[in-house]
Amino acid sequence: MTERDLPILPEVRQVKPGETHLLCRCGHSSALPDCSPGCCAGLRLEPRHEQRLLLCRCGQSRHLPYCDGRHNPPVDGLRARWRRFSKGD
């Protein structure tokens, strides 16, 4: 298996008050999860408190810019669900 065959994993981004993030909601950005310059569909995020976000980088999420796990097929069980967000064993 080559690196090209591996799933595109989500980005965990720590955001803090005072920062501004423009995140993609259409899935067409070449720099996911960030929005392309000039796109009017982006989500402007100005956090009120420090937090970590799980952001989509594959463009398949139904809840862009947030990852919903669609980069991997559905699975049963907590352990299998957790593995969807990692590179494997």
Protein backbone atom coordinates (compact mmCIF):
# COMPACT_ATOMS: atom_id res chain seq x y z
CA MET A 1 0.00 0.00 0.00
CA THR A 2 1.40 3.38 -0.96
CA GLU A 3 0.86 6.68 0.85
CA ARG A 4 -1.48 7.61 -1.99
CA ASP A 5 -3.79 4.69 -1.05
CA LEU A 6 -4.12 5.74 2.59
CA PRO A 7 -7.23 7.64 3.68
CA ILE A 8 -6.92 11.37 4.18
CA LEU A 9 -7.24 11.76 7.94
CA PRO A 10 -8.90 14.73 9.65
CA GLU A 11 -6.93 17.59 11.14
CA VAL A 12 -7.04 18.25 14.86
CA ARG A 13 -6.65 22.01 15.18
CA GLN A 14 -6.32 23.90 18.44
CA VAL A 15 -7.99 27.29 18.19
CA LYS A 16 -7.74 30.18 20.65
CA PRO A 17 -9.58 33.42 21.37
CA GLY A 18 -8.33 36.29 19.22
CA GLU A 19 -7.67 34.04 16.21
CA THR A 20 -9.71 34.07 13.01
CA HIS A 21 -10.07 30.98 10.84
CA LEU A 22 -11.75 30.78 7.43
CA LEU A 23 -12.84 27.17 6.99
CA CYS A 24 -14.22 25.44 3.89
CA ARG A 25 -17.89 24.45 3.85
CA CYS A 26 -18.19 23.49 0.16
CA GLY A 27 -15.42 20.85 -0.04
CA HIS A 28 -13.80 22.36 -3.14
CA SER A 29 -10.79 23.99 -1.50
CA SER A 30 -7.38 22.66 -2.49
CA ALA A 31 -6.20 23.45 1.05
CA LEU A 32 -8.87 21.67 3.15
CA PRO A 33 -9.90 22.37 5.85
CA ASP A 34 -9.06 26.00 5.06
CA CYS A 35 -11.18 27.92 2.59
CA SER A 36 -9.80 29.00 -0.78
CA PRO A 37 -9.22 32.74 -1.23
CA GLY A 38 -12.22 34.44 -2.77
CA CYS A 39 -14.74 31.72 -1.86
CA CYS A 40 -17.95 33.20 -0.45
CA ALA A 41 -19.11 29.94 1.19
CA GLY A 42 -16.43 29.80 3.90
CA LEU A 43 -17.13 29.66 7.62
CA ARG A 44 -15.47 32.51 9.50
CA LEU A 45 -14.62 31.17 12.94
CA GLU A 46 -13.57 33.47 15.79
CA PRO A 47 -13.33 31.24 18.87
CA ARG A 48 -14.46 32.58 22.23
CA HIS A 49 -12.49 29.97 24.16
CA GLU A 50 -9.58 27.63 23.52
CA GLN A 51 -10.68 24.32 22.04
CA ARG A 52 -9.69 21.56 19.64
CA LEU A 53 -11.61 21.00 16.42
CA LEU A 54 -11.71 17.85 14.30
CA LEU A 55 -11.68 19.27 10.76
CA CYS A 56 -12.34 17.45 7.48
CA ARG A 57 -9.50 17.24 4.97
CA CYS A 58 -11.07 14.81 2.46
CA GLY A 59 -14.17 16.87 1.56
CA GLN A 60 -16.61 13.97 2.14
CA SER A 61 -18.13 15.14 5.44
CA ARG A 62 -21.79 16.15 5.46
CA HIS A 63 -20.93 18.61 8.23
CA LEU A 64 -18.08 20.59 6.65
CA PRO A 65 -15.78 21.96 7.89
CA TYR A 66 -16.04 19.35 10.66
CA CYS A 67 -15.09 15.70 10.17
CA ASP A 68 -17.91 13.17 10.52
CA GLY A 69 -15.83 10.06 9.78
CA ARG A 70 -17.02 9.53 6.20
CA HIS A 71 -13.41 9.12 5.02
CA ASN A 72 -13.79 5.48 6.14
CA PRO A 73 -16.73 3.07 5.81
CA PRO A 74 -19.14 2.66 8.75
CA VAL A 75 -18.11 0.21 11.47
CA ASP A 76 -19.64 -1.36 14.58
CA GLY A 77 -18.25 -0.95 18.07
CA LEU A 78 -16.41 1.80 19.89
CA ARG A 79 -12.92 0.39 19.22
CA ALA A 80 -13.57 0.15 15.47
CA ARG A 81 -15.04 3.67 15.38
CA TRP A 82 -11.98 5.06 17.15
CA ARG A 83 -9.67 3.41 14.60
CA ARG A 84 -11.40 5.33 11.77
CA PHE A 85 -9.53 8.41 12.98
CA SER A 86 -6.06 6.87 13.16
CA LYS A 87 -3.53 5.54 10.68
CA GLY A 88 -3.90 2.00 11.99
CA ASP A 89 -1.83 -0.43 13.99
